[in-house]
Amino acid sequence: MIDPRSWDVYLVTDRALSRGRSTLDVVSAAIAAGVSVVQLREKGLSTRAFYEEGLKIREVLRAAGVPLIVNDRIDIALALDADGVHLGLSDMPADAARQILGPEKIIGLSVEQPHHITDPLVANADYLGVSPVFLTSTKEELVTAWEIDGLRRARSLTDLPLVAIGSIKKDNAAAVIEAGADCVAVVSAIVSADDPGIATEELLQEVRAAKRARQR
């Protein structure tokens, strides 16, 4: 299985924030720049349209050797033979998802409070999405943020890989890694950028430099 600790920058798609560009164009630019993993999130599409979009994204990701994670939809992930799913707290429980997906697929699980990390069901996850590190307009329902001190606490509570998400950008990515995250996940920092490829490169530079510094 792919080890999420090897990831640096995790792209979460959002067509509404892509400034008129197709999801395929944004993903292709991020792949060319070296993005580690892509999560396809299509809450506004019908099941068929989501699947058809996923087929296109899957092909370019497979050709590049980049994992595909599907947001929420286990049925779509199975139909696409995606590498895994990312589940929120209101989605199917992680133990049931594991029974359906089997041992080889990646399961990511969002955690919004420290007690979520110590829930026994977390044992079925391959990584935890610490959400949100900073408040973000892409998740308006969330009213509290972990912030950097909270991220450090999250790191102290688990040995699972931590993927940090929530208003992360070039200027704060290094601090997030220094606080214990293994990877930064972003939406608007790439999909809304003037040049998604350059934005990906800049994030990768910050993350990799922070990881090197952490290892010293």
C-alpha atoms as a PDB file:
ATOM      1  CA  MET A   1       0.000   0.000   0.000  1.00  0.00           C
ATOM      2  CA  ILE A   2       1.065   3.593  -0.642  1.00  0.00           C
ATOM      3  CA  ASP A   3       2.437   5.264   2.494  1.00  0.00           C
ATOM      4  CA  PRO A   4       0.821   8.694   3.014  1.00  0.00           C
ATOM      5  CA  ARG A   5       3.948   9.760   4.898  1.00  0.00           C
ATOM      6  CA  SER A   6       5.651   9.970   1.514  1.00  0.00           C
ATOM      7  CA  TRP A   7       3.196  12.623   0.309  1.00  0.00           C
ATOM      8  CA  ASP A   8       4.114  16.309   0.292  1.00  0.00           C
ATOM      9  CA  VAL A   9       1.286  18.209  -1.441  1.00  0.00           C
ATOM     10  CA  TYR A  10      -2.238  16.802  -1.668  1.00  0.00           C
ATOM     11  CA  LEU A  11      -4.594  18.506  -4.125  1.00  0.00           C
ATOM     12  CA  VAL A  12      -8.336  18.538  -3.419  1.00  0.00           C
ATOM     13  CA  THR A  13     -10.328  19.545  -6.478  1.00  0.00           C
ATOM     14  CA  ASP A  14     -13.135  22.113  -6.549  1.00  0.00           C
ATOM     15  CA  ARG A  15     -14.584  23.133  -9.900  1.00  0.00           C
ATOM     16  CA  ALA A  16     -16.368  26.141  -8.350  1.00  0.00           C
ATOM     17  CA  LEU A  17     -13.023  27.691  -7.385  1.00  0.00           C
ATOM     18  CA  SER A  18     -11.127  26.847 -10.580  1.00  0.00           C
ATOM     19  CA  ARG A  19     -11.789  30.149 -12.340  1.00  0.00           C
ATOM     20  CA  GLY A  20     -13.470  28.540 -15.325  1.00  0.00           C
ATOM     21  CA  ARG A  21     -10.748  25.960 -15.908  1.00  0.00           C
ATOM     22  CA  SER A  22     -11.673  22.307 -16.128  1.00  0.00           C
ATOM     23  CA  THR A  23     -10.755  19.993 -13.284  1.00  0.00           C
ATOM     24  CA  LEU A  24      -8.720  17.961 -15.757  1.00  0.00           C
ATOM     25  CA  ASP A  25      -6.669  21.025 -16.741  1.00  0.00           C
ATOM     26  CA  VAL A  26      -5.975  21.935 -13.113  1.00  0.00           C
ATOM     27  CA  VAL A  27      -5.053  18.371 -12.200  1.00  0.00           C
ATOM     28  CA  SER A  28      -2.821  18.001 -15.250  1.00  0.00           C
ATOM     29  CA  ALA A  29      -0.899  21.175 -14.342  1.00  0.00           C
ATOM     30  CA  ALA A  30      -0.467  19.980 -10.752  1.00  0.00           C
ATOM     31  CA  ILE A  31       0.741  16.562 -11.931  1.00  0.00           C
ATOM     32  CA  ALA A  32       3.310  18.136 -14.222  1.00  0.00           C
ATOM     33  CA  ALA A  33       4.590  20.153 -11.253  1.00  0.00           C
ATOM     34  CA  GLY A  34       4.934  17.080  -9.024  1.00  0.00           C
ATOM     35  CA  VAL A  35       1.802  16.942  -6.850  1.00  0.00           C
ATOM     36  CA  SER A  36       1.812  13.870  -4.588  1.00  0.00           C
ATOM     37  CA  VAL A  37      -1.862  12.837  -4.590  1.00  0.00           C
ATOM     38  CA  VAL A  38      -5.220  14.112  -5.866  1.00  0.00           C
ATOM     39  CA  GLN A  39      -8.602  13.899  -4.173  1.00  0.00           C
ATOM     40  CA  LEU A  40     -11.555  14.214  -6.528  1.00  0.00           C
ATOM     41  CA  ARG A  41     -14.342  16.109  -4.774  1.00  0.00           C
ATOM     42  CA  GLU A  42     -17.479  16.649  -6.830  1.00  0.00           C
ATOM     43  CA  LYS A  43     -20.372  17.300  -4.456  1.00  0.00           C
ATOM     44  CA  GLY A  44     -22.392  19.159  -7.084  1.00  0.00           C
ATOM     45  CA  LEU A  45     -22.341  16.475  -9.778  1.00  0.00           C
ATOM     46  CA  SER A  46     -24.741  13.618 -10.373  1.00  0.00           C
ATOM     47  CA  THR A  47     -23.411  10.122  -9.787  1.00  0.00           C
ATOM     48  CA  ARG A  48     -22.988   9.525 -13.515  1.00  0.00           C
ATOM     49  CA  ALA A  49     -21.247  12.843 -14.145  1.00  0.00           C
ATOM     50  CA  PHE A  50     -18.963  12.252 -11.136  1.00  0.00           C
ATOM     51  CA  TYR A  51     -18.039   8.830 -12.494  1.00  0.00           C
ATOM     52  CA  GLU A  52     -17.361  10.142 -16.000  1.00  0.00           C
ATOM     53  CA  GLU A  53     -15.227  12.966 -14.626  1.00  0.00           C
ATOM     54  CA  GLY A  54     -13.407  10.423 -12.505  1.00  0.00           C
ATOM     55  CA  LEU A  55     -12.563   8.267 -15.503  1.00  0.00           C
ATOM     56  CA  LYS A  56     -10.746  11.166 -17.160  1.00  0.00           C
ATOM     57  CA  ILE A  57      -8.892  12.116 -14.001  1.00  0.00           C
ATOM     58  CA  ARG A  58      -7.976   8.506 -13.249  1.00  0.00           C
ATOM     59  CA  GLU A  59      -6.285   8.029 -16.599  1.00  0.00           C
ATOM     60  CA  VAL A  60      -3.971  11.038 -16.301  1.00  0.00           C
ATOM     61  CA  LEU A  61      -3.142  10.169 -12.694  1.00  0.00           C
ATOM     62  CA  ARG A  62      -2.348   6.550 -13.486  1.00  0.00           C
ATOM     63  CA  ALA A  63      -0.107   7.558 -16.347  1.00  0.00           C
ATOM     64  CA  ALA A  64       1.837   9.762 -13.913  1.00  0.00           C
ATOM     65  CA  GLY A  65       1.826   7.291 -11.030  1.00  0.00           C
ATOM     66  CA  VAL A  66      -0.134   9.677  -8.784  1.00  0.00           C
ATOM     67  CA  PRO A  67      -2.758   8.202  -6.412  1.00  0.00           C
ATOM     68  CA  LEU A  68      -6.447   9.028  -6.834  1.00  0.00           C
ATOM     69  CA  ILE A  69      -8.553   9.496  -3.705  1.00  0.00           C
ATOM     70  CA  VAL A  70     -12.327   9.951  -4.004  1.00  0.00           C
ATOM     71  CA  ASN A  71     -14.120  12.217  -1.540  1.00  0.00           C
ATOM     72  CA  ASP A  72     -16.980  10.574   0.370  1.00  0.00           C
ATOM     73  CA  ARG A  73     -18.263   8.291  -2.391  1.00  0.00           C
ATOM     74  CA  ILE A  74     -17.230   4.685  -1.802  1.00  0.00           C
ATOM     75  CA  ASP A  75     -19.351   3.557  -4.753  1.00  0.00           C
ATOM     76  CA  ILE A  76     -17.523   5.900  -7.115  1.00  0.00           C
ATOM     77  CA  ALA A  77     -14.155   4.856  -5.695  1.00  0.00           C
ATOM     78  CA  LEU A  78     -14.970   1.199  -6.336  1.00  0.00           C
ATOM     79  CA  ALA A  79     -16.296   1.862  -9.838  1.00  0.00           C
ATOM     80  CA  LEU A  80     -13.137   3.786 -10.724  1.00  0.00           C
ATOM     81  CA  ASP A  81     -10.805   1.368  -8.930  1.00  0.00           C
ATOM     82  CA  ALA A  82      -9.424   4.456  -7.204  1.00  0.00           C
ATOM     83  CA  ASP A  83      -6.571   4.158  -4.748  1.00  0.00           C
ATOM     84  CA  GLY A  84      -8.780   5.139  -1.853  1.00  0.00           C
ATOM     85  CA  VAL A  85     -11.447   7.331  -0.303  1.00  0.00           C
ATOM     86  CA  HIS A  86     -11.526  10.237   2.106  1.00  0.00           C
ATOM     87  CA  LEU A  87     -14.375  10.190   4.615  1.00  0.00           C
ATOM     88  CA  GLY A  88     -15.840  12.937   6.759  1.00  0.00           C
ATOM     89  CA  LEU A  89     -17.388  12.504  10.181  1.00  0.00           C
ATOM     90  CA  SER A  90     -20.905  12.219   8.734  1.00  0.00           C
ATOM     91  CA  ASP A  91     -19.938   9.654   6.089  1.00  0.00           C
ATOM     92  CA  MET A  92     -19.862   5.876   6.370  1.00  0.00           C
ATOM     93  CA  PRO A  93     -17.925   4.708   9.448  1.00  0.00           C
ATOM     94  CA  ALA A  94     -14.339   3.765   8.717  1.00  0.00           C
ATOM     95  CA  ASP A  95     -14.768   0.150   9.861  1.00  0.00           C
ATOM     96  CA  ALA A  96     -17.654  -0.409   7.434  1.00  0.00           C
ATOM     97  CA  ALA A  97     -15.705   1.306   4.661  1.00  0.00           C
ATOM     98  CA  ARG A  98     -12.766  -1.015   5.324  1.00  0.00           C
ATOM     99  CA  GLN A  99     -15.017  -4.064   5.014  1.00  0.00           C
ATOM    100  CA  ILE A 100     -16.222  -2.849   1.620  1.00  0.00           C
ATOM    101  CA  LEU A 101     -12.900  -1.618   0.242  1.00  0.00           C
ATOM    102  CA  GLY A 102     -10.611  -4.309   1.606  1.00  0.00           C
ATOM    103  CA  PRO A 103      -7.136  -3.989   3.109  1.00  0.00           C
ATOM    104  CA  GLU A 104      -5.295  -2.539   0.120  1.00  0.00           C
ATOM    105  CA  LYS A 105      -7.250   0.665  -0.425  1.00  0.00           C
ATOM    106  CA  ILE A 106      -6.365   3.899   1.351  1.00  0.00           C
ATOM    107  CA  ILE A 107      -8.884   5.313   3.804  1.00  0.00           C
ATOM    108  CA  GLY A 108      -8.474   8.890   4.951  1.00  0.00           C
ATOM    109  CA  LEU A 109     -10.585  10.183   7.811  1.00  0.00           C
ATOM    110  CA  SER A 110     -11.269  13.798   8.763  1.00  0.00           C
ATOM    111  CA  VAL A 111     -10.752  14.735  12.412  1.00  0.00           C
ATOM    112  CA  GLU A 112     -12.038  18.043  13.713  1.00  0.00           C
ATOM    113  CA  GLN A 113     -11.499  17.646  17.472  1.00  0.00           C
ATOM    114  CA  PRO A 114      -8.890  15.840  19.610  1.00  0.00           C
ATOM    115  CA  HIS A 115     -11.406  13.222  20.768  1.00  0.00           C
ATOM    116  CA  HIS A 116     -11.949  12.173  17.153  1.00  0.00           C
ATOM    117  CA  ILE A 117      -8.326  11.049  17.033  1.00  0.00           C
ATOM    118  CA  THR A 118      -8.754   8.712  20.002  1.00  0.00           C
ATOM    119  CA  ASP A 119     -11.950   7.117  18.674  1.00  0.00           C
ATOM    120  CA  PRO A 120     -11.386   3.357  18.185  1.00  0.00           C
ATOM    121  CA  LEU A 121     -12.696   3.564  14.597  1.00  0.00           C
ATOM    122  CA  VAL A 122      -9.627   5.608  13.677  1.00  0.00           C
ATOM    123  CA  ALA A 123      -7.696   2.336  13.683  1.00  0.00           C
ATOM    124  CA  ASN A 124      -9.299   1.598  10.300  1.00  0.00           C
ATOM    125  CA  ALA A 125      -7.818   4.740   8.709  1.00  0.00           C
ATOM    126  CA  ASP A 126      -4.512   4.998   6.862  1.00  0.00           C
ATOM    127  CA  TYR A 127      -4.200   8.731   7.447  1.00  0.00           C
ATOM    128  CA  LEU A 128      -6.044  11.466   9.304  1.00  0.00           C
ATOM    129  CA  GLY A 129      -7.091  14.724   7.713  1.00  0.00           C
ATOM    130  CA  VAL A 130      -6.667  17.380  10.411  1.00  0.00           C
ATOM    131  CA  SER A 131      -9.400  19.818   9.430  1.00  0.00           C
ATOM    132  CA  PRO A 132      -9.323  22.740   9.409  1.00  0.00           C
ATOM    133  CA  VAL A 133      -5.907  23.872  10.535  1.00  0.00           C
ATOM    134  CA  PHE A 134      -7.018  27.427   9.755  1.00  0.00           C
ATOM    135  CA  LEU A 135     -10.591  28.497   9.010  1.00  0.00           C
ATOM    136  CA  THR A 136     -11.443  28.212   5.337  1.00  0.00           C
ATOM    137  CA  SER A 137     -14.194  29.418   3.011  1.00  0.00           C
ATOM    138  CA  THR A 138     -14.363  25.979   1.373  1.00  0.00           C
ATOM    139  CA  LYS A 139     -15.757  24.509   4.613  1.00  0.00           C
ATOM    140  CA  GLU A 140     -18.104  27.209   5.872  1.00  0.00           C
ATOM    141  CA  GLU A 141     -19.834  24.800   8.268  1.00  0.00           C
ATOM    142  CA  LEU A 142     -16.646  24.577  10.364  1.00  0.00           C
ATOM    143  CA  VAL A 143     -16.407  27.315  12.985  1.00  0.00           C
ATOM    144  CA  THR A 144     -13.329  26.273  14.962  1.00  0.00           C
ATOM    145  CA  ALA A 145      -9.801  25.608  13.756  1.00  0.00           C
ATOM    146  CA  TRP A 146      -6.937  23.533  15.108  1.00  0.00           C
ATOM    147  CA  GLU A 147      -4.323  26.244  14.543  1.00  0.00           C
ATOM    148  CA  ILE A 148      -0.640  25.371  14.923  1.00  0.00           C
ATOM    149  CA  ASP A 149      -0.793  24.465  18.630  1.00  0.00           C
ATOM    150  CA  GLY A 150      -3.747  22.175  17.977  1.00  0.00           C
ATOM    151  CA  LEU A 151      -1.877  20.489  15.164  1.00  0.00           C
ATOM    152  CA  ARG A 152       1.010  19.817  17.557  1.00  0.00           C
ATOM    153  CA  ARG A 153      -1.462  18.250  19.965  1.00  0.00           C
ATOM    154  CA  ALA A 154      -2.907  16.108  17.187  1.00  0.00           C
ATOM    155  CA  ARG A 155       0.592  14.883  16.402  1.00  0.00           C
ATOM    156  CA  SER A 156       1.092  13.896  20.036  1.00  0.00           C
ATOM    157  CA  LEU A 157      -2.096  11.805  20.040  1.00  0.00           C
ATOM    158  CA  THR A 158      -1.374   9.454  17.134  1.00  0.00           C
ATOM    159  CA  ASP A 159       1.314   7.807  15.061  1.00  0.00           C
ATOM    160  CA  LEU A 160      -0.919   7.792  11.968  1.00  0.00           C
ATOM    161  CA  PRO A 161       0.111  10.056   9.076  1.00  0.00           C
ATOM    162  CA  LEU A 162      -1.413  13.521   9.366  1.00  0.00           C
ATOM    163  CA  VAL A 163      -2.646  15.423   6.321  1.00  0.00           C
ATOM    164  CA  ALA A 164      -3.311  19.030   7.282  1.00  0.00           C
ATOM    165  CA  ILE A 165      -5.969  21.024   5.439  1.00  0.00           C
ATOM    166  CA  GLY A 166      -7.659  24.382   5.824  1.00  0.00           C
ATOM    167  CA  SER A 167      -6.400  27.689   4.364  1.00  0.00           C
ATOM    168  CA  ILE A 168      -2.895  26.334   3.893  1.00  0.00           C
ATOM    169  CA  LYS A 169      -0.778  28.238   1.400  1.00  0.00           C
ATOM    170  CA  LYS A 170       2.832  28.896   0.519  1.00  0.00           C
ATOM    171  CA  ASP A 171       3.281  31.331   3.402  1.00  0.00           C
ATOM    172  CA  ASN A 172       2.205  28.935   6.177  1.00  0.00           C
ATOM    173  CA  ALA A 173       2.948  25.484   4.730  1.00  0.00           C
ATOM    174  CA  ALA A 174       6.353  25.235   6.418  1.00  0.00           C
ATOM    175  CA  ALA A 175       4.890  25.997   9.850  1.00  0.00           C
ATOM    176  CA  VAL A 176       2.290  23.278   9.352  1.00  0.00           C
ATOM    177  CA  ILE A 177       4.966  20.698   8.554  1.00  0.00           C
ATOM    178  CA  GLU A 178       7.114  21.855  11.465  1.00  0.00           C
ATOM    179  CA  ALA A 179       4.120  21.327  13.777  1.00  0.00           C
ATOM    180  CA  GLY A 180       3.954  17.658  12.827  1.00  0.00           C
ATOM    181  CA  ALA A 181       1.929  17.264   9.632  1.00  0.00           C
ATOM    182  CA  ASP A 182       3.249  14.785   7.090  1.00  0.00           C
ATOM    183  CA  CYS A 183       1.563  16.485   4.153  1.00  0.00           C
ATOM    184  CA  VAL A 184      -0.381  19.644   3.307  1.00  0.00           C
ATOM    185  CA  ALA A 185      -3.696  19.395   1.486  1.00  0.00           C
ATOM    186  CA  VAL A 186      -4.912  22.426  -0.405  1.00  0.00           C
ATOM    187  CA  VAL A 187      -7.844  23.502  -2.521  1.00  0.00           C
ATOM    188  CA  SER A 188      -7.802  27.173  -3.499  1.00  0.00           C
ATOM    189  CA  ALA A 189      -4.024  27.546  -3.145  1.00  0.00           C
ATOM    190  CA  ILE A 190      -3.757  25.502  -6.348  1.00  0.00           C
ATOM    191  CA  VAL A 191      -7.130  25.481  -8.102  1.00  0.00           C
ATOM    192  CA  SER A 192      -7.621  29.270  -7.794  1.00  0.00           C
ATOM    193  CA  ALA A 193      -4.008  30.218  -8.518  1.00  0.00           C
ATOM    194  CA  ASP A 194      -3.083  32.202 -11.604  1.00  0.00           C
ATOM    195  CA  ASP A 195      -0.897  29.244 -12.572  1.00  0.00           C
ATOM    196  CA  PRO A 196      -1.765  25.973 -10.770  1.00  0.00           C
ATOM    197  CA  GLY A 197       1.538  24.422 -11.827  1.00  0.00           C
ATOM    198  CA  ILE A 198       3.671  27.193 -10.373  1.00  0.00           C
ATOM    199  CA  ALA A 199       1.547  27.198  -7.212  1.00  0.00           C
ATOM    200  CA  THR A 200       2.154  23.462  -6.817  1.00  0.00           C
ATOM    201  CA  GLU A 201       5.890  23.891  -7.290  1.00  0.00           C
ATOM    202  CA  GLU A 202       6.051  26.643  -4.681  1.00  0.00           C
ATOM    203  CA  LEU A 203       4.143  24.577  -2.134  1.00  0.00           C
ATOM    204  CA  LEU A 204       6.378  21.575  -2.770  1.00  0.00           C
ATOM    205  CA  GLN A 205       9.481  23.670  -2.183  1.00  0.00           C
ATOM    206  CA  GLU A 206       8.160  24.910   1.162  1.00  0.00           C
ATOM    207  CA  VAL A 207       7.039  21.484   2.341  1.00  0.00           C
ATOM    208  CA  ARG A 208      10.202  19.658   1.337  1.00  0.00           C
ATOM    209  CA  ALA A 209      12.440  22.308   2.892  1.00  0.00           C
ATOM    210  CA  ALA A 210      10.474  22.079   6.146  1.00  0.00           C
ATOM    211  CA  LYS A 211      10.739  18.281   6.160  1.00  0.00           C
ATOM    212  CA  ARG A 212      14.496  18.471   5.664  1.00  0.00           C
ATOM    213  CA  ALA A 213      14.772  20.971   8.503  1.00  0.00           C
ATOM    214  CA  ARG A 214      12.677  18.744  10.769  1.00  0.00           C
ATOM    215  CA  GLN A 215      15.010  15.818  10.193  1.00  0.00           C
ATOM    216  CA  ARG A 216      18.131  17.688  11.257  1.00  0.00           C
END
